[in-house]
């Protein structure tokens, strides 16, 4: 049996603890919830205290613009965890709330607010971030979608010691996944969300015992995953078909690739590229075949659309859409 000063983490792994830790968590969207749940369970199993959860303020959402709680807040309330929702972490009030809890560790997962140096310095073990890419590739706000849109063959998660830069901190641990041929932003999000929680728990022994030092990120290979916008989801039919297909997959479920037909918006949820070249002199965006589905000419190649959503309608198969519309030789703008 291990000495009583050691706490069981998983399997045969033990970490030395001289006291119960005060752990804080900061996160906001769905992606953060598996990590929050894992930390909650880890604290309960190892005699530590999840002393507070930070998440962004409730935001107006939906047609009625009613205030909506974040997914992290919903989890915290359900599990009787104390919730903090400052508009900024750069004021004395937010810092004093953190300081009062005497934090040993702050875990940050897609929180969405910048942490000043005063916050980074506060916990005994600093601030640990779970980032949805293999750093230094895809630093920034939308690493999941950018990986799919760029046609990356793989992605992963990085457990990083936070510093004042944008995802520039040293990395404690990484885990990698291969991207499927039909990978979407949504499917990769779910994979990395679960993988992030597993990798976080696996990284804790090294972080808390300081058995090793985190690895500095290389200077080469840095790319930035800029925040997604609805405007960039507009399809440019003059692009090559592979580029458009990757965009469609990357932006599902948000912001969803879109185009117009007859002046009305059409959202494209699923499509795949065909090697077939556009027949004749078909302009990009032209429907060139409806024999076995909805096939649209691009700048190079043909896009086979399988799921779409006309304005004011539900999402439907392209086949159902074609039943109500004569589309051959029509053109998406």
C-alpha atoms as a PDB file:
ATOM      1  CA  UNK A   1       0.000   0.000   0.000  1.00  0.00           C
ATOM      2  CA  UNK A   2       1.221   3.500  -0.733  1.00  0.00           C
ATOM      3  CA  UNK A   3       1.988   5.905   2.073  1.00  0.00           C
ATOM      4  CA  UNK A   4      -1.128   7.738   3.321  1.00  0.00           C
ATOM      5  CA  UNK A   5       0.354  11.017   2.135  1.00  0.00           C
ATOM      6  CA  UNK A   6      -0.249   9.823  -1.421  1.00  0.00           C
ATOM      7  CA  UNK A   7      -3.604  10.066  -3.174  1.00  0.00           C
ATOM      8  CA  UNK A   8      -4.709   7.636  -5.842  1.00  0.00           C
ATOM      9  CA  UNK A   9      -5.299   9.304  -9.240  1.00  0.00           C
ATOM     10  CA  UNK A  10      -5.941   6.465 -11.660  1.00  0.00           C
ATOM     11  CA  UNK A  11      -4.689   2.914 -12.107  1.00  0.00           C
ATOM     12  CA  UNK A  12      -1.409   2.597 -10.217  1.00  0.00           C
ATOM     13  CA  UNK A  13      -0.547   6.297 -10.376  1.00  0.00           C
ATOM     14  CA  UNK A  14      -0.243   8.226  -7.125  1.00  0.00           C
ATOM     15  CA  UNK A  15       0.581  11.876  -6.492  1.00  0.00           C
ATOM     16  CA  UNK A  16       2.034  13.235  -3.279  1.00  0.00           C
ATOM     17  CA  UNK A  17      -0.254  15.621  -1.455  1.00  0.00           C
ATOM     18  CA  UNK A  18       0.635  17.442   1.728  1.00  0.00           C
ATOM     19  CA  UNK A  19      -2.700  19.213   1.902  1.00  0.00           C
ATOM     20  CA  UNK A  20      -6.105  19.433   0.293  1.00  0.00           C
ATOM     21  CA  UNK A  21      -5.988  21.666  -2.778  1.00  0.00           C
ATOM     22  CA  UNK A  22      -8.295  24.536  -3.609  1.00  0.00           C
ATOM     23  CA  UNK A  23      -9.025  24.113  -7.312  1.00  0.00           C
ATOM     24  CA  UNK A  24     -10.794  26.679  -9.492  1.00  0.00           C
ATOM     25  CA  UNK A  25     -12.217  26.219 -12.992  1.00  0.00           C
ATOM     26  CA  UNK A  26     -12.897  28.726 -15.768  1.00  0.00           C
ATOM     27  CA  UNK A  27     -14.816  27.841 -18.924  1.00  0.00           C
ATOM     28  CA  UNK A  28     -17.946  28.680 -20.858  1.00  0.00           C
ATOM     29  CA  UNK A  29     -19.200  26.546 -23.804  1.00  0.00           C
ATOM     30  CA  UNK A  30     -20.115  22.878 -24.261  1.00  0.00           C
ATOM     31  CA  UNK A  31     -16.481  22.075 -24.997  1.00  0.00           C
ATOM     32  CA  UNK A  32     -15.527  22.938 -21.407  1.00  0.00           C
ATOM     33  CA  UNK A  33     -18.034  20.707 -19.635  1.00  0.00           C
ATOM     34  CA  UNK A  34     -16.225  17.314 -19.853  1.00  0.00           C
ATOM     35  CA  UNK A  35     -13.118  18.923 -18.351  1.00  0.00           C
ATOM     36  CA  UNK A  36     -15.189  20.515 -15.580  1.00  0.00           C
ATOM     37  CA  UNK A  37     -16.858  17.189 -14.861  1.00  0.00           C
ATOM     38  CA  UNK A  38     -13.493  15.398 -14.817  1.00  0.00           C
ATOM     39  CA  UNK A  39     -12.003  17.947 -12.411  1.00  0.00           C
ATOM     40  CA  UNK A  40     -15.088  17.794 -10.196  1.00  0.00           C
ATOM     41  CA  UNK A  41     -14.815  14.003  -9.977  1.00  0.00           C
ATOM     42  CA  UNK A  42     -11.039  14.162  -9.477  1.00  0.00           C
ATOM     43  CA  UNK A  43     -11.404  16.613  -6.591  1.00  0.00           C
ATOM     44  CA  UNK A  44     -14.069  14.488  -4.911  1.00  0.00           C
ATOM     45  CA  UNK A  45     -11.998  11.302  -5.300  1.00  0.00           C
ATOM     46  CA  UNK A  46      -8.765  12.834  -4.016  1.00  0.00           C
ATOM     47  CA  UNK A  47      -9.948  14.949  -1.104  1.00  0.00           C
ATOM     48  CA  UNK A  48      -9.629  18.312  -2.836  1.00  0.00           C
ATOM     49  CA  UNK A  49     -12.077  21.180  -3.124  1.00  0.00           C
ATOM     50  CA  UNK A  50     -13.491  22.604  -6.338  1.00  0.00           C
ATOM     51  CA  UNK A  51     -13.916  25.994  -4.734  1.00  0.00           C
ATOM     52  CA  UNK A  52     -15.383  28.005  -7.594  1.00  0.00           C
ATOM     53  CA  UNK A  53     -16.347  28.039 -11.246  1.00  0.00           C
ATOM     54  CA  UNK A  54     -15.844  31.076 -13.477  1.00  0.00           C
ATOM     55  CA  UNK A  55     -17.883  31.472 -16.652  1.00  0.00           C
ATOM     56  CA  UNK A  56     -18.945  34.321 -18.904  1.00  0.00           C
ATOM     57  CA  UNK A  57     -22.083  36.347 -18.051  1.00  0.00           C
ATOM     58  CA  UNK A  58     -25.453  35.151 -19.321  1.00  0.00           C
ATOM     59  CA  UNK A  59     -26.030  36.317 -22.911  1.00  0.00           C
ATOM     60  CA  UNK A  60     -29.170  37.111 -24.964  1.00  0.00           C
ATOM     61  CA  UNK A  61     -29.887  34.242 -27.355  1.00  0.00           C
ATOM     62  CA  UNK A  62     -32.568  33.054 -29.764  1.00  0.00           C
ATOM     63  CA  UNK A  63     -35.302  35.040 -31.424  1.00  0.00           C
ATOM     64  CA  UNK A  64     -36.684  36.248 -28.120  1.00  0.00           C
ATOM     65  CA  UNK A  65     -33.203  37.367 -26.985  1.00  0.00           C
ATOM     66  CA  UNK A  66     -33.805  35.895 -23.551  1.00  0.00           C
ATOM     67  CA  UNK A  67     -30.735  35.544 -21.323  1.00  0.00           C
ATOM     68  CA  UNK A  68     -29.124  32.135 -21.645  1.00  0.00           C
ATOM     69  CA  UNK A  69     -26.763  30.490 -19.177  1.00  0.00           C
ATOM     70  CA  UNK A  70     -23.533  28.958 -20.410  1.00  0.00           C
ATOM     71  CA  UNK A  71     -23.183  25.185 -20.447  1.00  0.00           C
ATOM     72  CA  UNK A  72     -20.560  25.443 -17.709  1.00  0.00           C
ATOM     73  CA  UNK A  73     -22.913  27.432 -15.491  1.00  0.00           C
ATOM     74  CA  UNK A  74     -25.663  24.862 -15.987  1.00  0.00           C
ATOM     75  CA  UNK A  75     -23.323  22.080 -14.873  1.00  0.00           C
ATOM     76  CA  UNK A  76     -22.097  24.094 -11.898  1.00  0.00           C
ATOM     77  CA  UNK A  77     -25.600  24.904 -10.670  1.00  0.00           C
ATOM     78  CA  UNK A  78     -26.720  21.286 -11.072  1.00  0.00           C
ATOM     79  CA  UNK A  79     -23.780  20.128  -8.942  1.00  0.00           C
ATOM     80  CA  UNK A  80     -24.039  22.886  -6.309  1.00  0.00           C
ATOM     81  CA  UNK A  81     -20.772  24.556  -7.285  1.00  0.00           C
ATOM     82  CA  UNK A  82     -20.176  28.225  -6.590  1.00  0.00           C
ATOM     83  CA  UNK A  83     -20.384  30.340  -9.783  1.00  0.00           C
ATOM     84  CA  UNK A  84     -18.675  33.638 -10.617  1.00  0.00           C
ATOM     85  CA  UNK A  85     -19.507  35.637 -13.757  1.00  0.00           C
ATOM     86  CA  UNK A  86     -17.372  38.790 -13.994  1.00  0.00           C
ATOM     87  CA  UNK A  87     -17.523  40.836 -17.200  1.00  0.00           C
ATOM     88  CA  UNK A  88     -13.745  41.145 -17.041  1.00  0.00           C
ATOM     89  CA  UNK A  89     -10.874  39.574 -15.139  1.00  0.00           C
ATOM     90  CA  UNK A  90      -8.876  42.795 -15.269  1.00  0.00           C
ATOM     91  CA  UNK A  91     -10.425  44.618 -12.321  1.00  0.00           C
ATOM     92  CA  UNK A  92      -9.772  44.527  -8.585  1.00  0.00           C
ATOM     93  CA  UNK A  93     -13.150  42.992  -7.770  1.00  0.00           C
ATOM     94  CA  UNK A  94     -12.505  39.895  -9.895  1.00  0.00           C
ATOM     95  CA  UNK A  95      -8.974  39.532  -8.551  1.00  0.00           C
ATOM     96  CA  UNK A  96     -10.147  39.858  -4.957  1.00  0.00           C
ATOM     97  CA  UNK A  97     -12.786  37.147  -5.479  1.00  0.00           C
ATOM     98  CA  UNK A  98     -10.069  34.820  -6.733  1.00  0.00           C
ATOM     99  CA  UNK A  99      -7.617  35.758  -3.994  1.00  0.00           C
ATOM    100  CA  UNK A 100     -10.200  35.124  -1.248  1.00  0.00           C
ATOM    101  CA  UNK A 101     -10.400  31.467  -2.265  1.00  0.00           C
ATOM    102  CA  UNK A 102      -6.629  30.969  -1.911  1.00  0.00           C
ATOM    103  CA  UNK A 103      -6.370  28.936  -5.118  1.00  0.00           C
ATOM    104  CA  UNK A 104      -3.738  26.264  -5.621  1.00  0.00           C
ATOM    105  CA  UNK A 105      -4.677  25.595  -9.239  1.00  0.00           C
ATOM    106  CA  UNK A 106      -6.849  27.278 -11.885  1.00  0.00           C
ATOM    107  CA  UNK A 107      -7.908  25.142 -14.859  1.00  0.00           C
ATOM    108  CA  UNK A 108      -9.021  27.142 -17.910  1.00  0.00           C
ATOM    109  CA  UNK A 109     -10.929  25.608 -20.835  1.00  0.00           C
ATOM    110  CA  UNK A 110     -12.393  27.877 -23.530  1.00  0.00           C
ATOM    111  CA  UNK A 111     -13.254  30.565 -20.985  1.00  0.00           C
ATOM    112  CA  UNK A 112     -13.303  33.412 -23.484  1.00  0.00           C
ATOM    113  CA  UNK A 113     -11.920  36.178 -21.249  1.00  0.00           C
ATOM    114  CA  UNK A 114      -8.270  37.224 -21.112  1.00  0.00           C
ATOM    115  CA  UNK A 115      -6.455  36.571 -17.856  1.00  0.00           C
ATOM    116  CA  UNK A 116      -4.043  39.323 -16.752  1.00  0.00           C
ATOM    117  CA  UNK A 117      -0.654  38.516 -15.250  1.00  0.00           C
ATOM    118  CA  UNK A 118      -2.036  39.230 -11.759  1.00  0.00           C
ATOM    119  CA  UNK A 119      -4.455  36.304 -12.163  1.00  0.00           C
ATOM    120  CA  UNK A 120      -1.875  34.004 -13.776  1.00  0.00           C
ATOM    121  CA  UNK A 121       0.450  34.554 -10.814  1.00  0.00           C
ATOM    122  CA  UNK A 122      -2.147  33.914  -8.119  1.00  0.00           C
ATOM    123  CA  UNK A 123      -2.548  30.087  -7.904  1.00  0.00           C
ATOM    124  CA  UNK A 124       0.270  28.073  -6.346  1.00  0.00           C
ATOM    125  CA  UNK A 125       0.553  25.896  -9.458  1.00  0.00           C
ATOM    126  CA  UNK A 126      -0.411  28.651 -11.846  1.00  0.00           C
ATOM    127  CA  UNK A 127      -3.111  28.428 -14.522  1.00  0.00           C
ATOM    128  CA  UNK A 128      -3.446  25.353 -16.733  1.00  0.00           C
ATOM    129  CA  UNK A 129      -5.184  25.566 -20.104  1.00  0.00           C
ATOM    130  CA  UNK A 130      -6.721  22.780 -22.174  1.00  0.00           C
ATOM    131  CA  UNK A 131      -6.347  23.859 -25.807  1.00  0.00           C
ATOM    132  CA  UNK A 132      -7.953  22.098 -28.793  1.00  0.00           C
ATOM    133  CA  UNK A 133      -4.914  21.792 -31.058  1.00  0.00           C
ATOM    134  CA  UNK A 134      -1.354  20.524 -31.119  1.00  0.00           C
ATOM    135  CA  UNK A 135       0.508  23.730 -30.399  1.00  0.00           C
ATOM    136  CA  UNK A 136       1.950  25.871 -31.896  1.00  0.00           C
ATOM    137  CA  UNK A 137      -0.445  25.082 -34.766  1.00  0.00           C
ATOM    138  CA  UNK A 138      -3.800  26.833 -34.419  1.00  0.00           C
ATOM    139  CA  UNK A 139      -3.337  29.164 -31.532  1.00  0.00           C
ATOM    140  CA  UNK A 140      -6.439  31.259 -30.977  1.00  0.00           C
ATOM    141  CA  UNK A 141     -10.204  31.129 -30.865  1.00  0.00           C
ATOM    142  CA  UNK A 142     -11.289  28.514 -33.435  1.00  0.00           C
ATOM    143  CA  UNK A 143      -8.667  25.752 -33.676  1.00  0.00           C
ATOM    144  CA  UNK A 144     -11.186  22.967 -34.285  1.00  0.00           C
ATOM    145  CA  UNK A 145     -12.849  24.487 -37.351  1.00  0.00           C
ATOM    146  CA  UNK A 146      -9.591  25.828 -38.791  1.00  0.00           C
ATOM    147  CA  UNK A 147      -8.025  22.369 -38.699  1.00  0.00           C
ATOM    148  CA  UNK A 148     -10.900  20.897 -40.708  1.00  0.00           C
ATOM    149  CA  UNK A 149     -11.050  23.800 -43.159  1.00  0.00           C
ATOM    150  CA  UNK A 150      -7.305  23.598 -43.793  1.00  0.00           C
ATOM    151  CA  UNK A 151      -7.461  19.882 -44.551  1.00  0.00           C
ATOM    152  CA  UNK A 152      -5.194  18.874 -41.640  1.00  0.00           C
ATOM    153  CA  UNK A 153      -4.644  15.144 -41.382  1.00  0.00           C
ATOM    154  CA  UNK A 154      -4.607  15.227 -37.579  1.00  0.00           C
ATOM    155  CA  UNK A 155      -5.350  17.400 -34.582  1.00  0.00           C
ATOM    156  CA  UNK A 156      -5.326  16.959 -30.828  1.00  0.00           C
ATOM    157  CA  UNK A 157      -5.251  18.666 -27.449  1.00  0.00           C
ATOM    158  CA  UNK A 158      -2.484  20.389 -25.509  1.00  0.00           C
ATOM    159  CA  UNK A 159      -2.313  20.842 -21.729  1.00  0.00           C
ATOM    160  CA  UNK A 160      -0.477  24.150 -21.407  1.00  0.00           C
ATOM    161  CA  UNK A 161       0.966  26.244 -18.596  1.00  0.00           C
ATOM    162  CA  UNK A 162      -0.580  29.640 -19.296  1.00  0.00           C
ATOM    163  CA  UNK A 163       1.451  32.791 -19.764  1.00  0.00           C
ATOM    164  CA  UNK A 164       0.449  36.277 -20.859  1.00  0.00           C
ATOM    165  CA  UNK A 165       0.656  35.447 -24.593  1.00  0.00           C
ATOM    166  CA  UNK A 166      -2.073  34.002 -26.815  1.00  0.00           C
ATOM    167  CA  UNK A 167      -1.671  30.239 -26.359  1.00  0.00           C
ATOM    168  CA  UNK A 168       2.109  30.617 -26.157  1.00  0.00           C
ATOM    169  CA  UNK A 169       2.747  28.788 -22.889  1.00  0.00           C
ATOM    170  CA  UNK A 170       4.873  25.705 -22.364  1.00  0.00           C
ATOM    171  CA  UNK A 171       3.100  22.355 -22.930  1.00  0.00           C
ATOM    172  CA  UNK A 172       2.852  19.664 -20.247  1.00  0.00           C
ATOM    173  CA  UNK A 173       1.149  16.982 -22.313  1.00  0.00           C
ATOM    174  CA  UNK A 174      -0.434  16.450 -25.733  1.00  0.00           C
ATOM    175  CA  UNK A 175      -2.726  13.825 -27.242  1.00  0.00           C
ATOM    176  CA  UNK A 176      -3.349  13.350 -30.960  1.00  0.00           C
ATOM    177  CA  UNK A 177      -6.282  12.230 -33.113  1.00  0.00           C
ATOM    178  CA  UNK A 178      -6.542  11.550 -36.838  1.00  0.00           C
ATOM    179  CA  UNK A 179      -9.201  13.424 -38.799  1.00  0.00           C
ATOM    180  CA  UNK A 180     -11.719  11.265 -40.635  1.00  0.00           C
ATOM    181  CA  UNK A 181     -12.401  11.881 -44.322  1.00  0.00           C
ATOM    182  CA  UNK A 182     -15.884  13.158 -43.420  1.00  0.00           C
ATOM    183  CA  UNK A 183     -14.809  15.059 -40.276  1.00  0.00           C
ATOM    184  CA  UNK A 184     -16.937  18.076 -39.403  1.00  0.00           C
ATOM    185  CA  UNK A 185     -16.356  20.911 -36.994  1.00  0.00           C
ATOM    186  CA  UNK A 186     -18.972  19.316 -34.748  1.00  0.00           C
ATOM    187  CA  UNK A 187     -17.537  15.792 -34.777  1.00  0.00           C
ATOM    188  CA  UNK A 188     -13.978  16.974 -34.112  1.00  0.00           C
ATOM    189  CA  UNK A 189     -15.247  19.283 -31.345  1.00  0.00           C
ATOM    190  CA  UNK A 190     -16.790  16.305 -29.559  1.00  0.00           C
ATOM    191  CA  UNK A 191     -13.677  14.140 -29.965  1.00  0.00           C
ATOM    192  CA  UNK A 192     -11.342  16.803 -28.616  1.00  0.00           C
ATOM    193  CA  UNK A 193     -13.685  17.768 -25.797  1.00  0.00           C
ATOM    194  CA  UNK A 194     -13.578  14.218 -24.411  1.00  0.00           C
ATOM    195  CA  UNK A 195      -9.882  13.811 -25.172  1.00  0.00           C
ATOM    196  CA  UNK A 196      -9.116  17.077 -23.405  1.00  0.00           C
ATOM    197  CA  UNK A 197     -10.710  15.839 -20.192  1.00  0.00           C
ATOM    198  CA  UNK A 198      -8.800  12.543 -20.307  1.00  0.00           C
ATOM    199  CA  UNK A 199      -5.486  14.238 -21.066  1.00  0.00           C
ATOM    200  CA  UNK A 200      -5.974  16.847 -18.341  1.00  0.00           C
ATOM    201  CA  UNK A 201      -6.411  14.193 -15.661  1.00  0.00           C
ATOM    202  CA  UNK A 202      -3.425  12.245 -17.023  1.00  0.00           C
ATOM    203  CA  UNK A 203      -1.261  15.391 -16.897  1.00  0.00           C
ATOM    204  CA  UNK A 204      -2.010  16.277 -13.272  1.00  0.00           C
ATOM    205  CA  UNK A 205       0.744  14.122 -11.684  1.00  0.00           C
ATOM    206  CA  UNK A 206       3.489  15.894 -13.630  1.00  0.00           C
ATOM    207  CA  UNK A 207       1.941  19.305 -12.983  1.00  0.00           C
ATOM    208  CA  UNK A 208       1.433  18.874  -9.251  1.00  0.00           C
ATOM    209  CA  UNK A 209       4.577  16.883  -8.486  1.00  0.00           C
ATOM    210  CA  UNK A 210       6.787  18.942 -10.820  1.00  0.00           C
ATOM    211  CA  UNK A 211       8.403  15.698 -11.932  1.00  0.00           C
ATOM    212  CA  UNK A 212       9.239  17.241 -15.271  1.00  0.00           C
ATOM    213  CA  UNK A 213       9.125  20.679 -16.813  1.00  0.00           C
ATOM    214  CA  UNK A 214       6.690  21.599 -19.581  1.00  0.00           C
ATOM    215  CA  UNK A 215       8.147  21.845 -23.084  1.00  0.00           C
ATOM    216  CA  UNK A 216       8.499  25.268 -24.648  1.00  0.00           C
ATOM    217  CA  UNK A 217       6.665  25.601 -27.949  1.00  0.00           C
ATOM    218  CA  UNK A 218       8.823  25.649 -31.089  1.00  0.00           C
ATOM    219  CA  UNK A 219       9.111  28.924 -32.951  1.00  0.00           C
ATOM    220  CA  UNK A 220       8.386  27.278 -36.295  1.00  0.00           C
ATOM    221  CA  UNK A 221       4.924  26.134 -37.335  1.00  0.00           C
ATOM    222  CA  UNK A 222       2.907  28.848 -35.578  1.00  0.00           C
ATOM    223  CA  UNK A 223      -0.547  29.430 -37.110  1.00  0.00           C
ATOM    224  CA  UNK A 224      -3.518  31.387 -35.801  1.00  0.00           C
ATOM    225  CA  UNK A 225      -7.113  30.211 -35.642  1.00  0.00           C
ATOM    226  CA  UNK A 226      -8.991  33.470 -35.943  1.00  0.00           C
ATOM    227  CA  UNK A 227     -12.525  33.737 -34.577  1.00  0.00           C
ATOM    228  CA  UNK A 228     -15.254  32.453 -36.888  1.00  0.00           C
ATOM    229  CA  UNK A 229     -17.674  34.874 -38.542  1.00  0.00           C
ATOM    230  CA  UNK A 230     -20.899  34.312 -40.439  1.00  0.00           C
ATOM    231  CA  UNK A 231     -19.555  36.423 -43.304  1.00  0.00           C
ATOM    232  CA  UNK A 232     -16.711  34.021 -44.086  1.00  0.00           C
ATOM    233  CA  UNK A 233     -19.176  31.125 -44.310  1.00  0.00           C
ATOM    234  CA  UNK A 234     -20.525  32.523 -47.592  1.00  0.00           C
ATOM    235  CA  UNK A 235     -19.533  30.048 -50.305  1.00  0.00           C
ATOM    236  CA  UNK A 236     -17.306  31.294 -53.106  1.00  0.00           C
ATOM    237  CA  UNK A 237     -18.193  28.942 -55.942  1.00  0.00           C
ATOM    238  CA  UNK A 238     -15.102  29.939 -57.925  1.00  0.00           C
ATOM    239  CA  UNK A 239     -12.898  28.060 -55.432  1.00  0.00           C
ATOM    240  CA  UNK A 240     -11.779  24.494 -55.999  1.00  0.00           C
ATOM    241  CA  UNK A 241     -14.294  21.873 -54.966  1.00  0.00           C
ATOM    242  CA  UNK A 242     -12.066  20.422 -52.208  1.00  0.00           C
ATOM    243  CA  UNK A 243     -11.783  23.833 -50.556  1.00  0.00           C
ATOM    244  CA  UNK A 244     -15.552  24.299 -50.570  1.00  0.00           C
ATOM    245  CA  UNK A 245     -16.184  20.806 -49.232  1.00  0.00           C
ATOM    246  CA  UNK A 246     -13.785  21.350 -46.326  1.00  0.00           C
ATOM    247  CA  UNK A 247     -15.460  24.685 -45.564  1.00  0.00           C
ATOM    248  CA  UNK A 248     -18.881  23.021 -45.469  1.00  0.00           C
ATOM    249  CA  UNK A 249     -17.619  20.346 -43.082  1.00  0.00           C
ATOM    250  CA  UNK A 250     -15.661  22.783 -40.903  1.00  0.00           C
ATOM    251  CA  UNK A 251     -18.583  25.194 -40.433  1.00  0.00           C
ATOM    252  CA  UNK A 252     -21.103  22.506 -39.475  1.00  0.00           C
ATOM    253  CA  UNK A 253     -22.792  23.099 -37.012  1.00  0.00           C
ATOM    254  CA  UNK A 254     -21.747  26.777 -36.867  1.00  0.00           C
ATOM    255  CA  UNK A 255     -21.686  29.217 -38.590  1.00  0.00           C
ATOM    256  CA  UNK A 256     -22.883  26.908 -41.442  1.00  0.00           C
ATOM    257  CA  UNK A 257     -21.804  27.507 -45.027  1.00  0.00           C
ATOM    258  CA  UNK A 258     -24.414  29.380 -47.013  1.00  0.00           C
ATOM    259  CA  UNK A 259     -25.222  30.660 -50.475  1.00  0.00           C
ATOM    260  CA  UNK A 260     -28.222  32.172 -52.261  1.00  0.00           C
ATOM    261  CA  UNK A 261     -30.607  30.840 -54.875  1.00  0.00           C
ATOM    262  CA  UNK A 262     -33.074  33.187 -56.530  1.00  0.00           C
ATOM    263  CA  UNK A 263     -32.183  35.854 -53.980  1.00  0.00           C
ATOM    264  CA  UNK A 264     -33.003  33.598 -51.011  1.00  0.00           C
ATOM    265  CA  UNK A 265     -30.503  32.181 -48.548  1.00  0.00           C
ATOM    266  CA  UNK A 266     -29.680  28.471 -48.548  1.00  0.00           C
ATOM    267  CA  UNK A 267     -27.541  26.875 -45.821  1.00  0.00           C
ATOM    268  CA  UNK A 268     -25.403  23.879 -46.814  1.00  0.00           C
ATOM    269  CA  UNK A 269     -24.895  21.312 -44.050  1.00  0.00           C
ATOM    270  CA  UNK A 270     -23.355  18.389 -45.915  1.00  0.00           C
ATOM    271  CA  UNK A 271     -21.599  17.931 -49.243  1.00  0.00           C
ATOM    272  CA  UNK A 272     -18.679  16.100 -50.777  1.00  0.00           C
ATOM    273  CA  UNK A 273     -16.443  16.679 -53.749  1.00  0.00           C
ATOM    274  CA  UNK A 274     -16.574  14.835 -57.032  1.00  0.00           C
ATOM    275  CA  UNK A 275     -13.587  14.440 -59.316  1.00  0.00           C
ATOM    276  CA  UNK A 276     -15.816  15.044 -62.329  1.00  0.00           C
ATOM    277  CA  UNK A 277     -15.057  18.291 -64.114  1.00  0.00           C
ATOM    278  CA  UNK A 278     -17.839  20.775 -64.775  1.00  0.00           C
ATOM    279  CA  UNK A 279     -19.456  19.977 -68.130  1.00  0.00           C
ATOM    280  CA  UNK A 280     -19.081  22.438 -70.960  1.00  0.00           C
ATOM    281  CA  UNK A 281     -18.836  26.079 -69.986  1.00  0.00           C
ATOM    282  CA  UNK A 282     -20.874  25.827 -66.783  1.00  0.00           C
ATOM    283  CA  UNK A 283     -20.244  28.814 -64.549  1.00  0.00           C
ATOM    284  CA  UNK A 284     -19.289  28.188 -60.913  1.00  0.00           C
ATOM    285  CA  UNK A 285     -22.450  27.783 -58.845  1.00  0.00           C
ATOM    286  CA  UNK A 286     -24.471  26.236 -61.681  1.00  0.00           C
ATOM    287  CA  UNK A 287     -26.511  23.101 -60.997  1.00  0.00           C
ATOM    288  CA  UNK A 288     -25.126  20.705 -63.609  1.00  0.00           C
ATOM    289  CA  UNK A 289     -26.975  17.529 -62.665  1.00  0.00           C
ATOM    290  CA  UNK A 290     -29.970  16.400 -60.640  1.00  0.00           C
ATOM    291  CA  UNK A 291     -29.960  12.804 -61.872  1.00  0.00           C
ATOM    292  CA  UNK A 292     -28.615  11.269 -58.670  1.00  0.00           C
ATOM    293  CA  UNK A 293     -28.606  14.266 -56.355  1.00  0.00           C
ATOM    294  CA  UNK A 294     -27.744  17.948 -56.445  1.00  0.00           C
ATOM    295  CA  UNK A 295     -24.449  18.550 -58.258  1.00  0.00           C
ATOM    296  CA  UNK A 296     -23.026  22.067 -58.504  1.00  0.00           C
ATOM    297  CA  UNK A 297     -20.116  23.325 -60.618  1.00  0.00           C
ATOM    298  CA  UNK A 298     -17.233  24.996 -58.820  1.00  0.00           C
ATOM    299  CA  UNK A 299     -14.029  26.636 -59.992  1.00  0.00           C
ATOM    300  CA  UNK A 300     -12.598  23.154 -60.383  1.00  0.00           C
ATOM    301  CA  UNK A 301     -14.708  20.032 -59.966  1.00  0.00           C
ATOM    302  CA  UNK A 302     -18.287  19.412 -58.883  1.00  0.00           C
ATOM    303  CA  UNK A 303     -19.787  19.568 -55.384  1.00  0.00           C
ATOM    304  CA  UNK A 304     -22.419  16.968 -54.493  1.00  0.00           C
ATOM    305  CA  UNK A 305     -24.773  18.557 -51.930  1.00  0.00           C
ATOM    306  CA  UNK A 306     -26.643  16.090 -49.721  1.00  0.00           C
ATOM    307  CA  UNK A 307     -28.192  18.231 -46.952  1.00  0.00           C
ATOM    308  CA  UNK A 308     -29.336  21.843 -46.987  1.00  0.00           C
ATOM    309  CA  UNK A 309     -31.771  24.286 -45.410  1.00  0.00           C
ATOM    310  CA  UNK A 310     -33.772  26.805 -47.443  1.00  0.00           C
ATOM    311  CA  UNK A 311     -34.658  30.112 -45.785  1.00  0.00           C
ATOM    312  CA  UNK A 312     -37.559  29.715 -43.363  1.00  0.00           C
ATOM    313  CA  UNK A 313     -37.557  25.907 -43.671  1.00  0.00           C
ATOM    314  CA  UNK A 314     -36.132  22.990 -41.752  1.00  0.00           C
ATOM    315  CA  UNK A 315     -32.930  21.261 -42.779  1.00  0.00           C
ATOM    316  CA  UNK A 316     -33.659  18.582 -45.383  1.00  0.00           C
ATOM    317  CA  UNK A 317     -32.009  16.229 -47.811  1.00  0.00           C
ATOM    318  CA  UNK A 318     -31.094  17.658 -51.198  1.00  0.00           C
ATOM    319  CA  UNK A 319     -33.398  15.074 -52.737  1.00  0.00           C
ATOM    320  CA  UNK A 320     -36.404  16.422 -50.829  1.00  0.00           C
ATOM    321  CA  UNK A 321     -35.469  19.957 -51.832  1.00  0.00           C
ATOM    322  CA  UNK A 322     -35.274  18.987 -55.487  1.00  0.00           C
ATOM    323  CA  UNK A 323     -38.778  17.515 -55.388  1.00  0.00           C
ATOM    324  CA  UNK A 324     -40.167  21.021 -54.893  1.00  0.00           C
ATOM    325  CA  UNK A 325     -37.775  22.917 -57.175  1.00  0.00           C
ATOM    326  CA  UNK A 326     -36.680  22.637 -60.807  1.00  0.00           C
ATOM    327  CA  UNK A 327     -32.966  23.205 -60.312  1.00  0.00           C
ATOM    328  CA  UNK A 328     -31.151  21.979 -63.407  1.00  0.00           C
ATOM    329  CA  UNK A 329     -29.088  24.846 -64.888  1.00  0.00           C
ATOM    330  CA  UNK A 330     -30.116  27.157 -62.036  1.00  0.00           C
ATOM    331  CA  UNK A 331     -27.226  28.972 -60.395  1.00  0.00           C
ATOM    332  CA  UNK A 332     -26.285  29.511 -56.775  1.00  0.00           C
ATOM    333  CA  UNK A 333     -24.907  33.022 -56.319  1.00  0.00           C
END
